[in-house]
N, C-alpha and C. Protein backbone atom coordinates (compact mmCIF):
# COMPACT_ATOMS: atom_id res chain seq x y z
N UNK A 1 -3.08 3.08 16.23
CA UNK A 1 -2.83 4.04 15.17
C UNK A 1 -1.32 4.12 14.94
N UNK A 2 -0.94 4.03 13.68
CA UNK A 2 0.47 4.12 13.32
C UNK A 2 0.96 5.56 13.46
N UNK A 3 2.27 5.70 13.53
CA UNK A 3 2.84 7.04 13.60
C UNK A 3 2.47 7.81 12.34
N UNK A 4 2.13 9.06 12.50
CA UNK A 4 1.74 9.87 11.36
C UNK A 4 2.88 10.03 10.37
N UNK A 5 4.12 10.03 10.87
CA UNK A 5 5.27 10.17 9.99
C UNK A 5 5.41 8.95 9.07
N UNK A 6 5.11 7.76 9.59
CA UNK A 6 5.20 6.54 8.78
C UNK A 6 4.14 6.55 7.69
N UNK A 7 2.94 6.97 8.03
CA UNK A 7 1.85 7.04 7.06
C UNK A 7 2.17 8.09 5.99
N UNK A 8 2.69 9.24 6.41
CA UNK A 8 3.04 10.30 5.47
C UNK A 8 4.16 9.85 4.55
N UNK A 9 5.14 9.14 5.08
CA UNK A 9 6.25 8.64 4.27
C UNK A 9 5.74 7.67 3.21
N UNK A 10 4.77 6.83 3.59
CA UNK A 10 4.21 5.87 2.65
C UNK A 10 3.42 6.59 1.55
N UNK A 11 2.68 7.63 1.91
CA UNK A 11 1.95 8.40 0.90
C UNK A 11 2.91 9.08 -0.08
N UNK A 12 4.01 9.58 0.45
CA UNK A 12 5.03 10.22 -0.38
C UNK A 12 5.60 9.21 -1.38
N UNK A 13 5.84 7.99 -0.91
CA UNK A 13 6.35 6.93 -1.79
C UNK A 13 5.34 6.59 -2.87
N UNK A 14 4.06 6.52 -2.50
CA UNK A 14 3.02 6.20 -3.50
C UNK A 14 2.98 7.24 -4.61
N UNK A 15 3.09 8.52 -4.24
CA UNK A 15 3.10 9.58 -5.24
C UNK A 15 4.31 9.48 -6.15
N UNK A 16 5.46 9.18 -5.56
CA UNK A 16 6.69 9.09 -6.33
C UNK A 16 6.66 7.89 -7.28
N UNK A 17 6.07 6.80 -6.84
CA UNK A 17 5.94 5.61 -7.69
C UNK A 17 5.09 5.94 -8.91
N UNK A 18 3.97 6.64 -8.69
CA UNK A 18 3.10 7.04 -9.80
C UNK A 18 3.81 8.01 -10.74
N UNK A 19 4.59 8.90 -10.17
CA UNK A 19 5.28 9.93 -10.96
C UNK A 19 6.31 9.31 -11.91
N UNK A 20 7.04 8.30 -11.44
CA UNK A 20 8.12 7.72 -12.23
C UNK A 20 7.75 6.41 -12.91
N UNK A 21 6.50 5.99 -12.86
CA UNK A 21 6.10 4.68 -13.39
C UNK A 21 6.39 4.57 -14.89
N UNK A 22 6.03 5.58 -15.67
CA UNK A 22 6.23 5.51 -17.12
C UNK A 22 7.72 5.48 -17.47
N UNK A 23 8.49 6.33 -16.83
CA UNK A 23 9.92 6.38 -17.09
C UNK A 23 10.59 5.07 -16.70
N UNK A 24 10.19 4.51 -15.56
CA UNK A 24 10.75 3.24 -15.10
C UNK A 24 10.42 2.11 -16.07
N UNK A 25 9.20 2.07 -16.56
CA UNK A 25 8.80 1.03 -17.51
C UNK A 25 9.59 1.16 -18.81
N UNK A 26 9.80 2.38 -19.26
CA UNK A 26 10.54 2.62 -20.50
C UNK A 26 12.00 2.17 -20.35
N UNK A 27 12.61 2.51 -19.22
CA UNK A 27 14.01 2.11 -18.98
C UNK A 27 14.15 0.60 -18.86
N UNK A 28 13.17 -0.04 -18.24
CA UNK A 28 13.20 -1.49 -18.13
C UNK A 28 13.08 -2.14 -19.50
N UNK A 29 12.22 -1.57 -20.33
CA UNK A 29 12.01 -2.10 -21.68
C UNK A 29 13.30 -2.02 -22.49
N UNK A 30 14.04 -0.91 -22.33
CA UNK A 30 15.30 -0.73 -23.04
C UNK A 30 16.44 -1.51 -22.41
N UNK A 31 16.26 -1.96 -21.17
CA UNK A 31 17.31 -2.68 -20.46
C UNK A 31 18.40 -1.76 -19.95
N UNK A 32 18.06 -0.50 -19.72
CA UNK A 32 19.03 0.50 -19.27
C UNK A 32 19.15 0.45 -17.74
N UNK A 33 20.06 -0.38 -17.25
CA UNK A 33 20.24 -0.54 -15.80
C UNK A 33 20.81 0.72 -15.16
N UNK A 34 21.71 1.41 -15.87
CA UNK A 34 22.29 2.63 -15.30
C UNK A 34 21.24 3.73 -15.17
N UNK A 35 20.33 3.81 -16.13
CA UNK A 35 19.25 4.79 -16.05
C UNK A 35 18.32 4.51 -14.89
N UNK A 36 18.04 3.22 -14.66
CA UNK A 36 17.21 2.83 -13.53
C UNK A 36 17.89 3.16 -12.21
N UNK A 37 19.20 3.01 -12.21
CA UNK A 37 19.97 3.28 -10.99
C UNK A 37 19.92 4.77 -10.63
N UNK A 38 19.75 5.63 -11.62
CA UNK A 38 19.73 7.07 -11.38
C UNK A 38 18.38 7.58 -10.86
N UNK A 39 17.33 6.75 -10.99
CA UNK A 39 16.02 7.14 -10.48
C UNK A 39 16.05 7.13 -8.94
N UNK A 40 15.17 7.91 -8.30
CA UNK A 40 15.12 7.91 -6.83
C UNK A 40 14.75 6.53 -6.28
N UNK A 41 15.31 6.19 -5.14
CA UNK A 41 15.04 4.89 -4.53
C UNK A 41 13.56 4.70 -4.24
N UNK A 42 12.91 5.74 -3.74
CA UNK A 42 11.51 5.61 -3.36
C UNK A 42 10.56 5.51 -4.54
N UNK A 43 11.08 5.59 -5.76
CA UNK A 43 10.21 5.44 -6.93
C UNK A 43 10.05 3.97 -7.31
N UNK A 44 10.71 3.08 -6.59
CA UNK A 44 10.60 1.65 -6.85
C UNK A 44 9.38 1.09 -6.13
N UNK A 45 8.53 0.34 -6.83
CA UNK A 45 7.32 -0.21 -6.20
C UNK A 45 7.61 -1.20 -5.08
N UNK A 46 8.78 -1.79 -5.06
CA UNK A 46 9.08 -2.77 -4.01
C UNK A 46 9.29 -2.10 -2.66
N UNK A 47 9.49 -0.80 -2.63
CA UNK A 47 9.69 -0.09 -1.36
C UNK A 47 8.36 0.29 -0.71
N UNK A 48 7.26 -0.02 -1.38
CA UNK A 48 5.94 0.32 -0.87
C UNK A 48 5.50 -0.71 0.17
N UNK A 49 4.88 -0.23 1.23
CA UNK A 49 4.39 -1.10 2.30
C UNK A 49 2.87 -1.01 2.34
N UNK A 50 2.20 -2.14 2.35
CA UNK A 50 0.75 -2.14 2.46
C UNK A 50 0.35 -1.71 3.87
N UNK A 51 -0.54 -0.74 3.95
CA UNK A 51 -1.00 -0.23 5.24
C UNK A 51 -2.52 -0.13 5.24
N UNK A 52 -3.09 -0.24 6.42
CA UNK A 52 -4.53 -0.08 6.60
C UNK A 52 -4.93 1.34 6.21
N UNK A 53 -6.03 1.48 5.51
CA UNK A 53 -6.48 2.80 5.07
C UNK A 53 -6.94 3.67 6.23
N UNK A 54 -7.43 3.06 7.29
CA UNK A 54 -7.94 3.81 8.43
C UNK A 54 -6.87 4.11 9.47
N UNK A 55 -6.17 3.06 9.91
CA UNK A 55 -5.26 3.21 11.04
C UNK A 55 -3.80 3.33 10.64
N UNK A 56 -3.45 2.90 9.43
CA UNK A 56 -2.07 2.94 9.00
C UNK A 56 -1.27 1.74 9.49
N UNK A 57 -1.94 0.78 10.10
CA UNK A 57 -1.26 -0.40 10.64
C UNK A 57 -0.63 -1.22 9.51
N UNK A 58 0.68 -1.55 9.61
CA UNK A 58 1.35 -2.26 8.53
C UNK A 58 1.20 -3.79 8.60
N UNK A 59 0.87 -4.30 9.76
CA UNK A 59 0.77 -5.76 9.89
C UNK A 59 -0.68 -6.21 9.82
N UNK A 60 -0.85 -7.49 9.52
CA UNK A 60 -2.19 -8.11 9.43
C UNK A 60 -3.07 -7.35 8.45
N UNK A 61 -2.51 -7.02 7.29
CA UNK A 61 -3.22 -6.26 6.25
C UNK A 61 -3.97 -7.23 5.35
N UNK A 62 -5.24 -6.93 5.09
CA UNK A 62 -6.05 -7.75 4.20
C UNK A 62 -6.20 -7.01 2.87
N UNK A 63 -5.51 -7.51 1.84
CA UNK A 63 -5.48 -6.83 0.55
C UNK A 63 -6.85 -6.62 -0.07
N UNK A 64 -7.68 -7.61 0.04
CA UNK A 64 -8.99 -7.57 -0.59
C UNK A 64 -9.83 -6.38 -0.11
N UNK A 65 -9.62 -5.99 1.14
CA UNK A 65 -10.42 -4.92 1.72
C UNK A 65 -9.63 -3.65 2.00
N UNK A 66 -8.31 -3.73 1.99
CA UNK A 66 -7.47 -2.57 2.25
C UNK A 66 -7.46 -2.16 3.72
N UNK A 67 -7.81 -3.11 4.59
CA UNK A 67 -7.90 -2.84 6.02
C UNK A 67 -7.06 -3.84 6.81
N UNK A 68 -6.71 -3.44 8.03
CA UNK A 68 -6.05 -4.39 8.92
C UNK A 68 -7.13 -5.30 9.51
N UNK A 69 -6.70 -6.37 10.15
CA UNK A 69 -7.66 -7.32 10.71
C UNK A 69 -8.53 -6.68 11.78
N UNK A 70 -7.99 -5.71 12.50
CA UNK A 70 -8.75 -5.06 13.57
C UNK A 70 -9.86 -4.18 12.99
N UNK A 71 -9.51 -3.37 12.00
CA UNK A 71 -10.51 -2.51 11.36
C UNK A 71 -11.54 -3.35 10.62
N UNK A 72 -11.07 -4.43 9.99
CA UNK A 72 -11.97 -5.32 9.26
C UNK A 72 -13.00 -5.91 10.20
N UNK A 73 -12.55 -6.36 11.38
CA UNK A 73 -13.46 -6.99 12.34
C UNK A 73 -14.52 -6.01 12.82
N UNK A 74 -14.10 -4.77 13.08
CA UNK A 74 -15.05 -3.75 13.53
C UNK A 74 -16.13 -3.51 12.47
N UNK A 75 -15.70 -3.31 11.23
CA UNK A 75 -16.65 -3.03 10.16
C UNK A 75 -17.54 -4.24 9.86
N UNK A 76 -16.98 -5.45 9.93
CA UNK A 76 -17.77 -6.65 9.67
C UNK A 76 -18.82 -6.86 10.76
N UNK A 77 -18.45 -6.58 11.99
CA UNK A 77 -19.40 -6.73 13.09
C UNK A 77 -20.56 -5.76 12.98
N UNK A 78 -20.28 -4.56 12.47
CA UNK A 78 -21.33 -3.55 12.29
C UNK A 78 -22.14 -3.79 11.02
N UNK A 79 -21.68 -4.72 10.17
CA UNK A 79 -22.38 -5.01 8.92
C UNK A 79 -22.10 -3.98 7.84
N UNK A 80 -20.96 -3.31 7.91
CA UNK A 80 -20.65 -2.26 6.94
C UNK A 80 -19.90 -2.77 5.71
N UNK A 81 -19.51 -4.06 5.73
CA UNK A 81 -18.82 -4.64 4.57
C UNK A 81 -19.79 -5.59 3.89
N UNK A 82 -20.19 -5.30 2.65
CA UNK A 82 -21.16 -6.14 1.97
C UNK A 82 -20.62 -7.55 1.69
N UNK A 83 -21.45 -8.54 1.96
CA UNK A 83 -21.09 -9.93 1.70
C UNK A 83 -20.30 -10.58 2.81
N UNK A 84 -20.03 -9.89 3.88
CA UNK A 84 -19.25 -10.45 4.99
C UNK A 84 -20.17 -10.55 6.21
N UNK A 85 -20.25 -11.77 6.75
CA UNK A 85 -21.04 -11.97 7.97
C UNK A 85 -20.19 -12.71 8.99
N UNK A 86 -20.53 -12.53 10.23
CA UNK A 86 -19.80 -13.20 11.30
C UNK A 86 -20.24 -14.66 11.35
N UNK A 87 -19.27 -15.54 11.39
CA UNK A 87 -19.58 -16.96 11.41
C UNK A 87 -20.12 -17.38 12.77
N UNK A 88 -21.09 -18.28 12.74
CA UNK A 88 -21.60 -18.85 13.99
C UNK A 88 -22.04 -20.28 13.71
N UNK A 89 -21.67 -21.21 14.62
CA UNK A 89 -22.05 -22.59 14.42
C UNK A 89 -22.23 -23.29 15.73
């Protein structure tokens, strides 16, 4: 489990990105670099880190499922992810 502060910080960034998305797009369209510079740093989408929805783990993240490899394996073994089966040969 990731630190709660790291997960909370990431949620805060997600909210800020959504809040400033329209303004950021408008400034980019106008080419106003100084206006973009005045926006908060955390409103930039590049500062966002992909994290597991369950554990908050930042590494080994699978975008298609929104889970880390560990959470994915648990759910796949239990048959909770549709279309995913454990390979055997």
